[in-house]
Amino acid sequence: SPWLSYHVSFIMISYALFAFVWLNGLLALGLMGRNRTKPSAVTTERVEQLTLLSRLLLYPATFLLGTGILFGSVWANVSWGSYWSWDPKEVWAFVAFIVYGISFHRRSLPWLQRPSAFHAYMTVAFIVVLMTYFGVNYLLGGMHSYANG
C-alpha cells in the first residue's frame, strides 16, 4: 500500500522539524544564560528571532505529524482492518501530537509567552519524540517494535 510511504515520510519530516525546534531551543536557552552574565541587545534580538522561527516551524511540524498519524491509520485499516489499535507507537505519536499542540495555546497558557519557558518546554517536548521514535522501537512491545525480535 502506498499509504505506508506517505505515513513514514510525513512523520519523519515532522520529526526533523521538531529536532530543528529543539536545537533552536537549546541555542536560545544558551544565549539567554549568557545574556544574564553579559546583557546584550543583540543577544536579546537573536533569542526573539529564534523564538519566532521555532513558533513558525511548529505549524508545519505539527500538521505533518497529524497528517502522518492519519495516513498511518488509513494504512493500518488497509493492512489489518483496523484504524487504531492502541499500539505503544500509536499512543506515543498521539502523545507527541498533544504535547506539541499545547504550544499553540499561549494565549490561554500565559507562561508559554515567555521565551525562556517556551524554549524550555520545546526542549523537554523533544523527549517525547525521542521516546516515540527510539524508545518504543527498542524498549516496548507492539506491532512497531524491534524489542521482541
N, C-alpha and C. Protein backbone atom coordinates (compact mmCIF):
# COMPACT_ATOMS: atom_id res chain seq x y z
N SER A 1 0.83 -1.19 0.00
CA SER A 1 0.00 0.00 0.00
C SER A 1 0.88 1.26 0.00
N PRO A 2 0.57 2.22 -0.83
CA PRO A 2 1.35 3.47 -0.84
C PRO A 2 1.16 4.29 0.43
N TRP A 3 0.14 3.98 1.22
CA TRP A 3 -0.11 4.73 2.46
C TRP A 3 1.07 4.63 3.41
N LEU A 4 1.77 3.52 3.40
CA LEU A 4 2.93 3.35 4.28
C LEU A 4 4.00 4.38 3.95
N SER A 5 4.28 4.58 2.68
CA SER A 5 5.29 5.57 2.27
C SER A 5 4.90 6.98 2.69
N TYR A 6 3.64 7.33 2.49
CA TYR A 6 3.16 8.65 2.90
C TYR A 6 3.26 8.80 4.42
N HIS A 7 2.81 7.79 5.13
CA HIS A 7 2.81 7.80 6.59
C HIS A 7 4.22 8.03 7.13
N VAL A 8 5.17 7.24 6.69
CA VAL A 8 6.55 7.34 7.19
C VAL A 8 7.18 8.66 6.76
N SER A 9 6.96 9.08 5.53
CA SER A 9 7.55 10.33 5.04
C SER A 9 7.07 11.53 5.85
N PHE A 10 5.78 11.63 6.04
CA PHE A 10 5.23 12.77 6.78
C PHE A 10 5.71 12.77 8.23
N ILE A 11 5.71 11.61 8.85
CA ILE A 11 6.17 11.52 10.24
C ILE A 11 7.64 11.91 10.35
N MET A 12 8.47 11.42 9.46
CA MET A 12 9.91 11.70 9.55
C MET A 12 10.21 13.18 9.28
N ILE A 13 9.49 13.79 8.36
CA ILE A 13 9.69 15.22 8.12
C ILE A 13 9.27 16.02 9.35
N SER A 14 8.18 15.61 9.98
CA SER A 14 7.75 16.31 11.20
C SER A 14 8.79 16.15 12.30
N TYR A 15 9.35 14.95 12.45
CA TYR A 15 10.38 14.74 13.48
C TYR A 15 11.62 15.60 13.19
N ALA A 16 11.97 15.75 11.92
CA ALA A 16 13.12 16.59 11.56
C ALA A 16 12.84 18.05 11.93
N LEU A 17 11.63 18.52 11.67
CA LEU A 17 11.28 19.89 12.05
C LEU A 17 11.27 20.06 13.57
N PHE A 18 10.76 19.06 14.28
CA PHE A 18 10.78 19.12 15.75
C PHE A 18 12.22 19.12 16.26
N ALA A 19 13.10 18.40 15.60
CA ALA A 19 14.51 18.41 16.00
C ALA A 19 15.12 19.79 15.80
N PHE A 20 14.73 20.45 14.73
CA PHE A 20 15.22 21.80 14.48
C PHE A 20 14.70 22.77 15.55
N VAL A 21 13.44 22.62 15.95
CA VAL A 21 12.88 23.44 17.03
C VAL A 21 13.63 23.17 18.33
N TRP A 22 13.95 21.91 18.57
CA TRP A 22 14.72 21.54 19.76
C TRP A 22 16.11 22.21 19.76
N LEU A 23 16.77 22.16 18.61
CA LEU A 23 18.08 22.81 18.51
C LEU A 23 17.97 24.32 18.70
N ASN A 24 16.93 24.93 18.12
CA ASN A 24 16.68 26.35 18.35
C ASN A 24 16.49 26.63 19.83
N GLY A 25 15.76 25.75 20.50
CA GLY A 25 15.53 25.92 21.94
C GLY A 25 16.80 25.85 22.74
N LEU A 26 17.65 24.87 22.40
CA LEU A 26 18.94 24.77 23.11
C LEU A 26 19.78 26.01 22.89
N LEU A 27 19.84 26.48 21.65
CA LEU A 27 20.61 27.68 21.34
C LEU A 27 20.04 28.90 22.07
N ALA A 28 18.73 29.05 22.04
CA ALA A 28 18.10 30.20 22.71
C ALA A 28 18.33 30.15 24.21
N LEU A 29 18.20 28.98 24.83
CA LEU A 29 18.44 28.87 26.26
C LEU A 29 19.89 29.19 26.60
N GLY A 30 20.81 28.75 25.75
CA GLY A 30 22.22 29.09 25.95
C GLY A 30 22.47 30.58 25.83
N LEU A 31 21.86 31.21 24.83
CA LEU A 31 22.01 32.66 24.67
C LEU A 31 21.40 33.42 25.84
N MET A 32 20.25 32.94 26.33
CA MET A 32 19.63 33.61 27.46
C MET A 32 20.49 33.47 28.72
N GLY A 33 21.12 32.31 28.89
CA GLY A 33 22.02 32.12 30.02
C GLY A 33 23.23 33.04 29.94
N ARG A 34 23.76 33.17 28.75
CA ARG A 34 24.91 34.06 28.54
C ARG A 34 24.50 35.53 28.70
N ASN A 35 23.28 35.83 28.32
CA ASN A 35 22.79 37.21 28.41
C ASN A 35 22.61 37.65 29.86
N ARG A 36 22.44 36.70 30.77
CA ARG A 36 22.31 37.05 32.18
C ARG A 36 23.63 37.57 32.75
N THR A 37 24.73 36.99 32.28
CA THR A 37 26.03 37.42 32.78
C THR A 37 26.56 38.64 32.02
N LYS A 38 26.30 38.67 30.71
CA LYS A 38 26.73 39.81 29.87
C LYS A 38 25.54 40.27 29.04
N PRO A 39 24.67 41.13 29.61
CA PRO A 39 23.48 41.57 28.86
C PRO A 39 23.86 42.27 27.55
N SER A 40 23.09 41.93 26.50
CA SER A 40 23.35 42.49 25.18
C SER A 40 22.04 42.58 24.41
N ALA A 41 21.82 43.69 23.75
CA ALA A 41 20.62 43.86 22.93
C ALA A 41 20.64 42.93 21.73
N VAL A 42 21.82 42.67 21.20
CA VAL A 42 21.95 41.78 20.04
C VAL A 42 21.53 40.36 20.43
N THR A 43 21.95 39.91 21.60
CA THR A 43 21.59 38.57 22.06
C THR A 43 20.08 38.48 22.28
N THR A 44 19.50 39.51 22.87
CA THR A 44 18.04 39.52 23.08
C THR A 44 17.31 39.45 21.74
N GLU A 45 17.80 40.16 20.75
CA GLU A 45 17.18 40.13 19.42
C GLU A 45 17.31 38.74 18.79
N ARG A 46 18.45 38.11 18.96
CA ARG A 46 18.63 36.76 18.40
C ARG A 46 17.69 35.75 19.07
N VAL A 47 17.51 35.88 20.37
CA VAL A 47 16.57 34.99 21.08
C VAL A 47 15.16 35.21 20.54
N GLU A 48 14.77 36.45 20.30
CA GLU A 48 13.46 36.74 19.74
C GLU A 48 13.31 36.13 18.35
N GLN A 49 14.37 36.20 17.55
CA GLN A 49 14.34 35.60 16.21
C GLN A 49 14.21 34.08 16.29
N LEU A 50 14.96 33.46 17.21
CA LEU A 50 14.86 32.01 17.38
C LEU A 50 13.48 31.61 17.87
N THR A 51 12.90 32.42 18.74
CA THR A 51 11.55 32.13 19.23
C THR A 51 10.55 32.20 18.08
N LEU A 52 10.63 33.23 17.28
CA LEU A 52 9.73 33.37 16.14
C LEU A 52 9.91 32.21 15.16
N LEU A 53 11.16 31.86 14.85
CA LEU A 53 11.42 30.75 13.93
C LEU A 53 10.85 29.44 14.48
N SER A 54 11.05 29.19 15.76
CA SER A 54 10.52 27.96 16.36
C SER A 54 9.01 27.94 16.31
N ARG A 55 8.38 29.06 16.64
CA ARG A 55 6.92 29.11 16.61
C ARG A 55 6.40 28.88 15.19
N LEU A 56 7.09 29.44 14.19
CA LEU A 56 6.67 29.24 12.80
C LEU A 56 6.86 27.80 12.35
N LEU A 57 7.94 27.15 12.79
CA LEU A 57 8.19 25.77 12.39
C LEU A 57 7.24 24.78 13.06
N LEU A 58 6.67 25.18 14.18
CA LEU A 58 5.74 24.29 14.87
C LEU A 58 4.49 24.02 14.05
N TYR A 59 4.06 24.98 13.25
CA TYR A 59 2.85 24.80 12.46
C TYR A 59 2.99 23.66 11.44
N PRO A 60 3.99 23.72 10.55
CA PRO A 60 4.10 22.59 9.61
C PRO A 60 4.49 21.29 10.30
N ALA A 61 5.31 21.36 11.35
CA ALA A 61 5.73 20.13 12.03
C ALA A 61 4.53 19.41 12.64
N THR A 62 3.69 20.15 13.33
CA THR A 62 2.52 19.53 13.97
C THR A 62 1.50 19.09 12.93
N PHE A 63 1.33 19.89 11.89
CA PHE A 63 0.43 19.49 10.80
C PHE A 63 0.90 18.19 10.16
N LEU A 64 2.19 18.11 9.87
CA LEU A 64 2.73 16.89 9.24
C LEU A 64 2.63 15.69 10.17
N LEU A 65 2.85 15.90 11.47
CA LEU A 65 2.69 14.79 12.41
C LEU A 65 1.25 14.30 12.42
N GLY A 66 0.30 15.22 12.50
CA GLY A 66 -1.11 14.83 12.48
C GLY A 66 -1.50 14.14 11.19
N THR A 67 -1.03 14.66 10.08
CA THR A 67 -1.31 14.05 8.78
C THR A 67 -0.66 12.67 8.70
N GLY A 68 0.56 12.55 9.19
CA GLY A 68 1.24 11.25 9.20
C GLY A 68 0.50 10.22 10.05
N ILE A 69 -0.02 10.66 11.19
CA ILE A 69 -0.82 9.76 12.03
C ILE A 69 -2.08 9.33 11.29
N LEU A 70 -2.73 10.28 10.62
CA LEU A 70 -3.93 9.97 9.84
C LEU A 70 -3.62 8.99 8.72
N PHE A 71 -2.54 9.22 7.97
CA PHE A 71 -2.15 8.29 6.90
C PHE A 71 -1.81 6.92 7.47
N GLY A 72 -1.19 6.90 8.65
CA GLY A 72 -0.87 5.62 9.30
C GLY A 72 -2.12 4.85 9.67
N SER A 73 -3.15 5.58 10.10
CA SER A 73 -4.39 4.88 10.44
C SER A 73 -5.08 4.32 9.20
N VAL A 74 -5.01 5.07 8.10
CA VAL A 74 -5.59 4.56 6.84
C VAL A 74 -4.80 3.33 6.38
N TRP A 75 -3.48 3.40 6.47
CA TRP A 75 -2.65 2.25 6.10
C TRP A 75 -2.96 1.05 7.00
N ALA A 76 -3.14 1.29 8.31
CA ALA A 76 -3.46 0.20 9.23
C ALA A 76 -4.79 -0.44 8.87
N ASN A 77 -5.76 0.38 8.48
CA ASN A 77 -7.06 -0.18 8.09
C ASN A 77 -6.95 -1.02 6.83
N VAL A 78 -6.15 -0.54 5.88
CA VAL A 78 -5.96 -1.31 4.64
C VAL A 78 -5.23 -2.62 4.95
N SER A 79 -4.22 -2.56 5.82
CA SER A 79 -3.39 -3.73 6.09
C SER A 79 -4.01 -4.71 7.08
N TRP A 80 -4.60 -4.18 8.16
CA TRP A 80 -5.06 -5.05 9.24
C TRP A 80 -6.55 -4.94 9.54
N GLY A 81 -7.26 -4.06 8.85
CA GLY A 81 -8.70 -3.95 9.05
C GLY A 81 -9.11 -3.13 10.27
N SER A 82 -8.19 -2.34 10.81
CA SER A 82 -8.50 -1.52 11.98
C SER A 82 -7.72 -0.21 11.88
N TYR A 83 -8.40 0.90 12.13
CA TYR A 83 -7.74 2.19 12.01
C TYR A 83 -6.78 2.47 13.16
N TRP A 84 -7.12 1.99 14.34
CA TRP A 84 -6.33 2.33 15.53
C TRP A 84 -6.36 1.13 16.46
N SER A 85 -5.19 0.73 16.97
CA SER A 85 -5.15 -0.45 17.84
C SER A 85 -4.52 -0.16 19.20
N TRP A 86 -4.26 1.10 19.52
CA TRP A 86 -3.62 1.49 20.78
C TRP A 86 -2.29 0.80 20.98
N ASP A 87 -1.59 0.56 19.89
CA ASP A 87 -0.21 0.08 19.92
C ASP A 87 0.64 1.15 20.60
N PRO A 88 1.70 0.78 21.34
CA PRO A 88 2.52 1.80 22.01
C PRO A 88 3.02 2.90 21.07
N LYS A 89 3.37 2.57 19.84
CA LYS A 89 3.84 3.59 18.90
C LYS A 89 2.71 4.57 18.57
N GLU A 90 1.52 4.07 18.37
CA GLU A 90 0.39 4.93 18.08
C GLU A 90 0.08 5.84 19.26
N VAL A 91 0.14 5.27 20.45
CA VAL A 91 -0.14 6.06 21.65
C VAL A 91 0.89 7.16 21.83
N TRP A 92 2.17 6.83 21.67
CA TRP A 92 3.23 7.83 21.85
C TRP A 92 3.19 8.88 20.75
N ALA A 93 2.80 8.51 19.54
CA ALA A 93 2.64 9.51 18.47
C ALA A 93 1.50 10.47 18.82
N PHE A 94 0.44 9.93 19.38
CA PHE A 94 -0.67 10.76 19.81
C PHE A 94 -0.25 11.68 20.96
N VAL A 95 0.54 11.16 21.90
CA VAL A 95 1.06 11.97 23.00
C VAL A 95 1.92 13.11 22.44
N ALA A 96 2.77 12.80 21.47
CA ALA A 96 3.61 13.84 20.85
C ALA A 96 2.73 14.91 20.20
N PHE A 97 1.68 14.49 19.52
CA PHE A 97 0.77 15.44 18.88
C PHE A 97 0.14 16.35 19.93
N ILE A 98 -0.28 15.80 21.05
CA ILE A 98 -0.89 16.59 22.13
C ILE A 98 0.14 17.53 22.76
N VAL A 99 1.34 17.01 23.05
CA VAL A 99 2.38 17.82 23.70
C VAL A 99 2.74 19.02 22.83
N TYR A 100 2.92 18.80 21.54
CA TYR A 100 3.25 19.92 20.66
C TYR A 100 2.02 20.80 20.40
N GLY A 101 0.83 20.23 20.44
CA GLY A 101 -0.38 21.03 20.29
C GLY A 101 -0.57 22.02 21.43
N ILE A 102 -0.11 21.66 22.61
CA ILE A 102 -0.20 22.56 23.76
C ILE A 102 0.53 23.87 23.48
N SER A 103 1.62 23.80 22.74
CA SER A 103 2.42 25.00 22.50
C SER A 103 1.68 26.06 21.68
N PHE A 104 0.58 25.71 21.03
CA PHE A 104 -0.20 26.68 20.27
C PHE A 104 -1.14 27.50 21.15
N HIS A 105 -1.25 27.14 22.41
CA HIS A 105 -2.21 27.77 23.31
C HIS A 105 -1.57 28.79 24.23
N ARG A 106 -0.74 29.63 23.67
CA ARG A 106 -0.02 30.58 24.51
C ARG A 106 -0.92 31.69 25.04
N ARG A 107 -2.05 31.92 24.43
CA ARG A 107 -2.97 32.92 25.00
C ARG A 107 -3.65 32.38 26.25
N SER A 108 -4.00 31.12 26.24
CA SER A 108 -4.64 30.54 27.42
C SER A 108 -3.61 30.01 28.43
N LEU A 109 -2.37 29.87 28.01
CA LEU A 109 -1.28 29.46 28.90
C LEU A 109 -0.22 30.56 28.86
N PRO A 110 -0.40 31.61 29.65
CA PRO A 110 0.49 32.78 29.55
C PRO A 110 1.97 32.48 29.78
N TRP A 111 2.29 31.44 30.53
CA TRP A 111 3.69 31.12 30.77
C TRP A 111 4.42 30.78 29.47
N LEU A 112 3.69 30.32 28.45
CA LEU A 112 4.30 30.00 27.16
C LEU A 112 4.67 31.25 26.37
N GLN A 113 4.23 32.42 26.82
CA GLN A 113 4.59 33.66 26.14
C GLN A 113 6.02 34.08 26.45
N ARG A 114 6.54 33.62 27.59
CA ARG A 114 7.93 33.95 27.94
C ARG A 114 8.87 33.08 27.11
N PRO A 115 9.84 33.66 26.41
CA PRO A 115 10.76 32.87 25.59
C PRO A 115 11.49 31.78 26.38
N SER A 116 11.88 32.07 27.61
CA SER A 116 12.60 31.06 28.40
C SER A 116 11.72 29.84 28.65
N ALA A 117 10.46 30.06 29.03
CA ALA A 117 9.54 28.94 29.28
C ALA A 117 9.21 28.20 27.99
N PHE A 118 8.99 28.95 26.91
CA PHE A 118 8.68 28.34 25.62
C PHE A 118 9.81 27.42 25.16
N HIS A 119 11.04 27.93 25.20
CA HIS A 119 12.17 27.12 24.74
C HIS A 119 12.46 25.95 25.68
N ALA A 120 12.27 26.15 26.96
CA ALA A 120 12.44 25.03 27.90
C ALA A 120 11.39 23.95 27.61
N TYR A 121 10.15 24.37 27.35
CA TYR A 121 9.09 23.41 27.01
C TYR A 121 9.41 22.67 25.72
N MET A 122 9.87 23.38 24.70
CA MET A 122 10.21 22.75 23.43
C MET A 122 11.37 21.77 23.59
N THR A 123 12.31 22.11 24.45
CA THR A 123 13.44 21.21 24.69
C THR A 123 12.98 19.93 25.36
N VAL A 124 12.12 20.06 26.36
CA VAL A 124 11.61 18.88 27.07
C VAL A 124 10.65 18.10 26.18
N ALA A 125 9.87 18.81 25.35
CA ALA A 125 8.91 18.14 24.47
C ALA A 125 9.59 17.20 23.50
N PHE A 126 10.81 17.51 23.12
CA PHE A 126 11.51 16.65 22.16
C PHE A 126 11.80 15.27 22.75
N ILE A 127 11.81 15.15 24.06
CA ILE A 127 11.97 13.84 24.70
C ILE A 127 10.84 12.90 24.27
N VAL A 128 9.65 13.46 24.09
CA VAL A 128 8.52 12.65 23.63
C VAL A 128 8.77 12.11 22.23
N VAL A 129 9.33 12.93 21.36
CA VAL A 129 9.66 12.48 20.01
C VAL A 129 10.72 11.37 20.08
N LEU A 130 11.72 11.56 20.92
CA LEU A 130 12.76 10.53 21.06
C LEU A 130 12.17 9.22 21.59
N MET A 131 11.26 9.33 22.53
CA MET A 131 10.61 8.12 23.05
C MET A 131 9.76 7.47 21.96
N THR A 132 9.05 8.29 21.20
CA THR A 132 8.20 7.75 20.13
C THR A 132 9.04 7.03 19.08
N TYR A 133 10.17 7.62 18.72
CA TYR A 133 10.97 7.05 17.64
C TYR A 133 11.88 5.92 18.11
N PHE A 134 12.64 6.18 19.18
CA PHE A 134 13.61 5.17 19.63
C PHE A 134 13.07 4.30 20.75
N GLY A 135 12.50 4.93 21.76
CA GLY A 135 12.07 4.19 22.95
C GLY A 135 11.08 3.09 22.65
N VAL A 136 10.06 3.42 21.88
CA VAL A 136 9.04 2.42 21.56
C VAL A 136 9.64 1.31 20.71
N ASN A 137 10.49 1.68 19.75
CA ASN A 137 11.06 0.67 18.85
C ASN A 137 11.92 -0.35 19.59
N TYR A 138 12.66 0.09 20.58
CA TYR A 138 13.65 -0.78 21.21
C TYR A 138 13.32 -1.19 22.63
N LEU A 139 12.34 -0.54 23.27
CA LEU A 139 12.05 -0.86 24.67
C LEU A 139 10.68 -1.50 24.87
N LEU A 140 9.71 -1.10 24.10
CA LEU A 140 8.34 -1.58 24.31
C LEU A 140 7.95 -2.60 23.25
N GLY A 141 6.92 -3.33 23.52
CA GLY A 141 6.41 -4.30 22.55
C GLY A 141 5.41 -3.65 21.61
N GLY A 142 4.85 -4.46 20.73
CA GLY A 142 3.82 -3.97 19.82
C GLY A 142 4.20 -4.21 18.38
N MET A 143 3.29 -3.83 17.50
CA MET A 143 3.49 -4.06 16.07
C MET A 143 4.65 -3.25 15.50
N HIS A 144 4.97 -2.11 16.09
CA HIS A 144 6.03 -1.24 15.59
C HIS A 144 7.38 -1.52 16.25
N SER A 145 7.46 -2.56 17.04
CA SER A 145 8.63 -2.74 17.90
C SER A 145 9.67 -3.68 17.32
N TYR A 146 10.93 -3.38 17.65
CA TYR A 146 12.03 -4.28 17.33
C TYR A 146 12.52 -4.98 18.58
N ALA A 147 11.90 -4.71 19.73
CA ALA A 147 12.35 -5.23 21.02
C ALA A 147 12.10 -6.72 21.13
N ASN A 148 11.11 -7.22 20.42
CA ASN A 148 10.74 -8.63 20.56
C ASN A 148 11.50 -9.56 19.62
N GLY A 149 12.29 -9.04 18.78
CA GLY A 149 12.97 -9.96 17.90
C GLY A 149 13.63 -9.23 16.84
